Every structure is written in structure tokens, then in C-alpha cells.
Protein backbone atom coordinates (compact mmCIF):
# COMPACT_ATOMS: atom_id res chain seq x y z
CA MET A 1 0.00 0.00 0.00
CA GLY A 2 1.29 3.47 -0.90
CA LYS A 3 2.12 5.91 1.87
CA LEU A 4 -0.45 8.37 0.54
CA LYS A 5 -3.26 5.98 -0.37
CA ASN A 6 -6.55 7.89 -0.77
CA LYS A 7 -5.00 11.20 0.33
CA ILE A 8 -6.54 14.00 -1.73
CA ILE A 9 -3.80 16.29 -3.04
CA LEU A 10 -3.99 19.24 -5.43
CA VAL A 11 -1.00 20.08 -7.64
CA THR A 12 -0.70 23.32 -9.63
CA GLY A 13 1.41 23.71 -12.77
CA ALA A 14 1.01 19.96 -13.20
CA SER A 15 1.42 19.61 -16.95
CA ARG A 16 5.22 19.69 -17.09
CA GLY A 17 8.47 19.99 -15.16
CA ILE A 18 8.44 19.81 -11.38
CA GLY A 19 4.65 19.77 -11.18
CA LYS A 20 4.41 16.80 -13.53
CA GLY A 21 7.11 15.03 -11.53
CA CYS A 22 5.18 15.66 -8.31
CA VAL A 23 2.00 14.20 -9.78
CA SER A 24 3.87 11.07 -10.88
CA LYS A 25 5.43 10.64 -7.44
CA LEU A 26 2.08 11.13 -5.69
CA LEU A 27 0.38 8.62 -7.98
CA SER A 28 3.14 6.10 -7.29
CA GLU A 29 2.20 6.45 -3.60
CA GLU A 30 -1.50 5.92 -4.47
CA ALA A 31 -2.66 9.45 -3.69
CA SER A 32 -5.88 10.81 -5.20
CA VAL A 33 -4.51 13.70 -7.25
CA ILE A 34 -6.25 16.72 -8.74
CA ALA A 35 -3.86 18.05 -11.39
CA THR A 36 -4.31 21.65 -12.54
CA ASP A 37 -2.71 23.93 -15.11
CA ARG A 38 -3.63 26.84 -17.36
CA ASP A 39 -2.33 24.98 -20.43
CA GLU A 40 -5.25 22.62 -20.91
CA ALA A 41 -3.89 20.90 -24.03
CA LEU A 42 -0.58 20.05 -22.36
CA LEU A 43 -2.40 18.96 -19.19
CA GLU A 44 -4.54 16.55 -21.20
CA GLU A 45 -1.41 15.18 -22.88
CA SER A 46 0.24 14.61 -19.50
CA HIS A 47 -2.96 12.99 -18.24
CA ARG A 48 -2.82 10.44 -21.05
CA GLU A 49 0.74 9.61 -20.01
CA TRP A 50 -0.31 9.12 -16.37
CA VAL A 51 -3.15 6.82 -17.42
CA VAL A 52 -0.72 4.63 -19.39
CA LYS A 53 1.91 4.62 -16.63
CA PHE A 54 -0.33 4.19 -13.59
CA GLY A 55 -3.36 2.53 -15.10
CA LYS A 56 -5.95 4.95 -13.81
CA SER A 57 -7.50 8.28 -14.68
CA ILE A 58 -7.23 11.29 -12.39
CA ARG A 59 -9.15 14.52 -12.23
CA ILE A 60 -7.64 17.40 -14.20
CA GLN A 61 -8.88 20.97 -14.14
CA PHE A 62 -8.01 24.36 -15.62
CA LEU A 63 -6.50 26.81 -13.13
CA ASP A 64 -4.86 30.17 -13.66
CA ILE A 65 -3.31 30.58 -10.23
CA ALA A 66 -3.22 34.38 -10.53
CA SER A 67 -7.03 34.35 -10.61
CA GLU A 68 -8.84 34.25 -7.27
CA THR A 69 -12.04 33.34 -9.15
CA ASP A 70 -10.36 30.26 -10.65
CA TRP A 71 -8.98 29.23 -7.26
CA ILE A 72 -12.39 29.52 -5.59
CA GLU A 73 -13.97 27.41 -8.35
CA VAL A 74 -11.33 24.68 -8.02
CA MET A 75 -11.58 24.54 -4.22
CA SER A 76 -15.39 24.56 -4.36
CA ASP A 77 -15.27 21.62 -6.77
CA ILE A 78 -12.94 19.72 -4.44
CA GLU A 79 -15.25 20.32 -1.49
CA ALA A 80 -18.27 19.21 -3.52
CA LYS A 81 -16.70 16.15 -5.17
CA GLU A 82 -13.99 14.93 -2.78
CA GLY A 83 -15.32 16.46 0.43
CA LEU A 84 -11.96 17.49 1.85
CA LEU A 85 -8.32 18.24 1.00
CA HIS A 86 -5.26 16.64 2.57
CA GLY A 87 -2.49 18.37 0.64
CA LEU A 88 -1.56 21.13 -1.78
CA VAL A 89 1.56 21.52 -3.92
CA ASN A 90 1.81 25.16 -5.04
CA ASN A 91 4.15 24.65 -7.97
CA ALA A 92 2.95 26.77 -10.91
CA GLY A 93 5.16 29.73 -11.73
CA ILE A 94 6.78 31.83 -14.44
CA VAL A 95 10.24 33.30 -14.89
CA ASN A 96 11.14 36.62 -16.51
CA LEU A 97 14.81 36.93 -17.46
CA LYS A 98 15.52 40.61 -17.93
CA PRO A 99 17.87 43.14 -16.35
CA LEU A 100 16.34 45.93 -14.31
CA GLU A 101 16.48 48.57 -17.04
CA GLU A 102 14.63 46.35 -19.53
CA MET A 103 11.87 45.08 -17.28
CA SER A 104 8.54 46.89 -17.40
CA LEU A 105 6.34 47.41 -14.37
CA GLU A 106 3.70 45.21 -16.01
CA GLU A 107 6.19 42.33 -16.37
CA PHE A 108 7.29 42.71 -12.76
CA LYS A 109 3.70 42.72 -11.53
CA GLU A 110 2.77 39.68 -13.62
CA THR A 111 5.61 37.68 -12.08
CA GLN A 112 4.47 38.61 -8.56
CA ASP A 113 0.82 37.90 -9.42
CA VAL A 114 1.57 34.39 -10.63
CA ASN A 115 4.39 33.28 -8.34
CA LEU A 116 3.56 35.04 -5.08
CA THR A 117 -0.07 36.15 -5.14
CA GLY A 118 -1.16 32.84 -6.67
CA THR A 119 0.62 30.97 -3.89
CA PHE A 120 -1.00 33.22 -1.29
CA ILE A 121 -4.51 32.63 -2.63
CA GLY A 122 -4.03 28.87 -2.87
CA THR A 123 -2.52 28.60 0.59
CA LYS A 124 -5.28 30.70 2.15
CA LEU A 125 -8.06 28.64 0.59
CA ALA A 126 -6.32 25.33 1.35
CA VAL A 127 -5.91 26.25 5.02
CA ASP A 128 -9.59 27.17 5.13
CA ILE A 129 -10.83 23.86 3.72
CA MET A 130 -8.39 21.89 5.88
CA ARG A 131 -9.69 23.65 8.97
CA ARG A 132 -13.33 23.06 8.13
CA LYS A 133 -13.19 19.61 6.58
CA ASN A 134 -10.08 17.84 7.91
CA ASN A 135 -9.87 18.84 11.59
CA ALA A 136 -7.20 21.47 10.85
CA LYS A 137 -4.81 18.85 9.49
CA GLY A 138 -2.93 18.77 6.21
CA SER A 139 0.24 19.62 4.34
CA ILE A 140 1.02 22.50 2.00
CA VAL A 141 4.26 22.55 -0.01
CA ASN A 142 5.13 25.80 -1.77
CA ILE A 143 7.77 25.53 -4.48
CA SER A 144 10.16 28.46 -4.10
CA SER A 145 13.67 28.53 -5.60
CA ILE A 146 17.29 29.01 -4.66
CA SER A 147 16.82 32.36 -6.41
CA GLY A 148 14.56 33.31 -3.51
CA GLN A 149 17.48 32.80 -1.12
CA THR A 150 20.50 34.08 -3.03
CA GLY A 151 19.10 36.11 -5.91
CA THR A 152 19.91 35.44 -9.57
CA LEU A 153 21.53 37.68 -12.17
CA ASN A 154 19.01 39.42 -14.47
CA CYS A 155 16.21 37.73 -12.58
CA GLY A 156 15.04 40.38 -10.12
CA ALA A 157 11.29 39.86 -10.47
CA TYR A 158 11.55 36.09 -10.17
CA SER A 159 13.98 36.24 -7.24
CA ALA A 160 11.73 38.70 -5.41
CA SER A 161 8.64 36.56 -5.97
CA LYS A 162 10.32 33.36 -4.81
CA GLY A 163 11.81 35.08 -1.77
CA GLY A 164 8.27 36.17 -1.01
CA VAL A 165 7.03 32.58 -1.29
CA ARG A 166 9.66 31.51 1.23
CA MET A 167 8.74 34.17 3.79
CA LEU A 168 5.00 33.76 3.21
CA SER A 169 5.33 30.05 3.96
CA LYS A 170 7.24 30.72 7.17
CA ALA A 171 4.79 33.36 8.36
CA ILE A 172 1.67 31.27 7.74
CA ALA A 173 3.32 28.23 9.35
CA LEU A 174 3.81 30.37 12.46
CA GLU A 175 0.16 31.42 12.35
CA VAL A 176 -1.26 27.90 12.20
CA GLY A 177 1.29 26.68 14.73
CA ALA A 178 0.24 29.38 17.19
CA LYS A 179 -3.32 28.02 16.93
CA ARG A 180 -2.04 24.51 17.70
CA GLU A 181 -3.28 23.33 14.32
CA PHE A 182 -1.64 20.44 12.50
CA ILE A 183 -1.34 21.98 9.06
CA ARG A 184 2.28 21.76 7.92
CA ILE A 185 3.42 24.53 5.59
CA ASN A 186 6.84 24.28 4.00
CA SER A 187 8.71 25.81 1.09
CA VAL A 188 11.17 23.97 -1.14
CA HIS A 189 14.05 25.78 -2.87
CA PRO A 190 15.32 23.88 -5.93
CA GLY A 191 18.48 24.84 -7.73
CA VAL A 192 18.79 24.33 -11.49
CA ILE A 193 16.27 21.65 -12.47
CA MET A 194 16.07 20.31 -16.02
CA THR A 195 12.57 21.49 -16.91
CA PRO A 196 11.03 23.13 -19.98
CA MET A 197 11.27 26.46 -18.14
CA GLN A 198 15.05 26.05 -17.88
CA THR A 199 15.53 24.91 -21.47
CA GLU A 200 13.46 27.85 -22.71
CA ARG A 201 15.68 30.09 -20.60
CA ALA A 202 19.08 28.74 -21.68
CA GLY A 203 18.24 27.35 -25.12
CA ASN A 204 20.93 25.31 -26.88
CA ASP A 205 23.89 27.24 -25.48
CA GLU A 206 26.13 24.28 -24.58
CA GLU A 207 28.77 26.56 -23.08
CA LEU A 208 26.17 27.96 -20.70
CA TRP A 209 24.89 24.49 -19.77
CA GLU A 210 28.43 23.26 -19.15
CA GLY A 211 29.09 26.24 -16.89
CA ILE A 212 25.93 25.45 -14.94
CA ARG A 213 26.93 21.79 -14.55
CA LYS A 214 30.38 22.74 -13.27
CA SER A 215 28.80 24.98 -10.63
CA ILE A 216 26.84 22.05 -9.16
CA PRO A 217 28.68 19.75 -6.69
CA LEU A 218 27.06 16.61 -8.14
CA GLY A 219 28.14 17.65 -11.63
CA ARG A 220 24.67 17.30 -13.10
CA LEU A 221 21.43 19.22 -13.37
CA GLY A 222 18.58 18.35 -11.07
CA LYS A 223 15.59 16.37 -12.31
CA PRO A 224 11.91 16.96 -11.47
CA GLU A 225 11.85 13.67 -9.56
CA ASP A 226 14.66 14.97 -7.32
CA VAL A 227 12.29 17.68 -6.11
CA ALA A 228 9.19 15.45 -5.96
């Protein structure tokens, strides 16, 4: 029996990269997963892969995490169909690689809206349903980044948003802990993980990739399953 058998867990940004890896890991532990993404076509493609690999269908749903309306709809559906929520993986995010002088205010705000505000909305609603439907028990994992700890060159908006995710997670964990509630809230801070987001960022620049590999003690890039 899997360690997470019948645990109801929502994953955002589930169609690729770390989110997709998290869904696969959760399914291998027999969790009941709700996989969400704003790229519905890619989500459906990933769903077909999960069906082949794990032999069962899971619920998939559109979610733009920057939209409070979308979040409320998803959580309402979970409450109506599953009845409760045991876990949330706030993974969805975007990166904007531009130096300060080239980044517009709109681009900066969009990065915060998706990476930080989206995580805030999801965490708030998840804590609420866990309190009401699961005796104030559950687990929330917010995917931050090493950029949120050290900063990254030409990545100010992303670094700021992921630093915010880290501090938001700590602050809300203190809040629920002070109430003696058993909702665990943690942030995870991956380094360079081989995901579509990274390949879009670095392209086919082998010199750049080699430099990245040499900067990592293990001598290789991380994989989504390393994070999951």
C-alpha cells in the first residue's frame, strides 16, 4: 500500500516539469490527485501519459493561479466532489529573465501575481478547507527557488517573488502553529532543475549548460523527480 493511499492532493502547474514530476510521485504512492494547469492541451497530454503509466484516470482541471475566481472554483469543486483536501503543492510559476532597465512594471507585476499572489490565494483557501473539513490537518508545499534565497543575475522579479514565497510560507506556518493546528506549511528551494522552463531560458547554449553543470557539486542538473 502506498504511503499516501486515498489522500486528496492538489497540484498546480502539473502539466510539465516539477509539477508533472510531483503528480507522478504522488500517484506512485497511491494518492488521489487533482492536477491543474492553465495549459489545458498540455495537461490533457500529460494525463494520457499518467493513465498509461499508472493505469488509472485522475481529475484534471483548468487553473490560472493568478485568478482568485479560478482558485475559488477549483476549491469549491474539491469540497463538492472529494469532500476534503489533505495536501496542496503550489508549484505553478513563471520566470522573466531581464535586467532591471529592460523590465517593465507590467512584467514585474505579472511575475508577482503568478508566483507570489497565486501561492498566497491557494494557501489561504487550502488552510480554510483543511480547517473546516479535515480537523485542521494537512500539508502545503510551496515551491520556491534558490533564487529566492541568493538572488539570480538578471532575474530580479523572479527572485523577489520566490523570496516572497519563502517568507509567506514561514509566516503562515507560524500562524497555524500558534493556533495549535496540525497543518504543515513548508517551502522547497530547488536549484537548477532540467525542466522546460530552464531549457526555454538557456536554449541550446552548450557553453552555458556546461558552466551550470560545473557549478553544481554533483556535476549534473537536477531532475523533477529529485524535487518530488
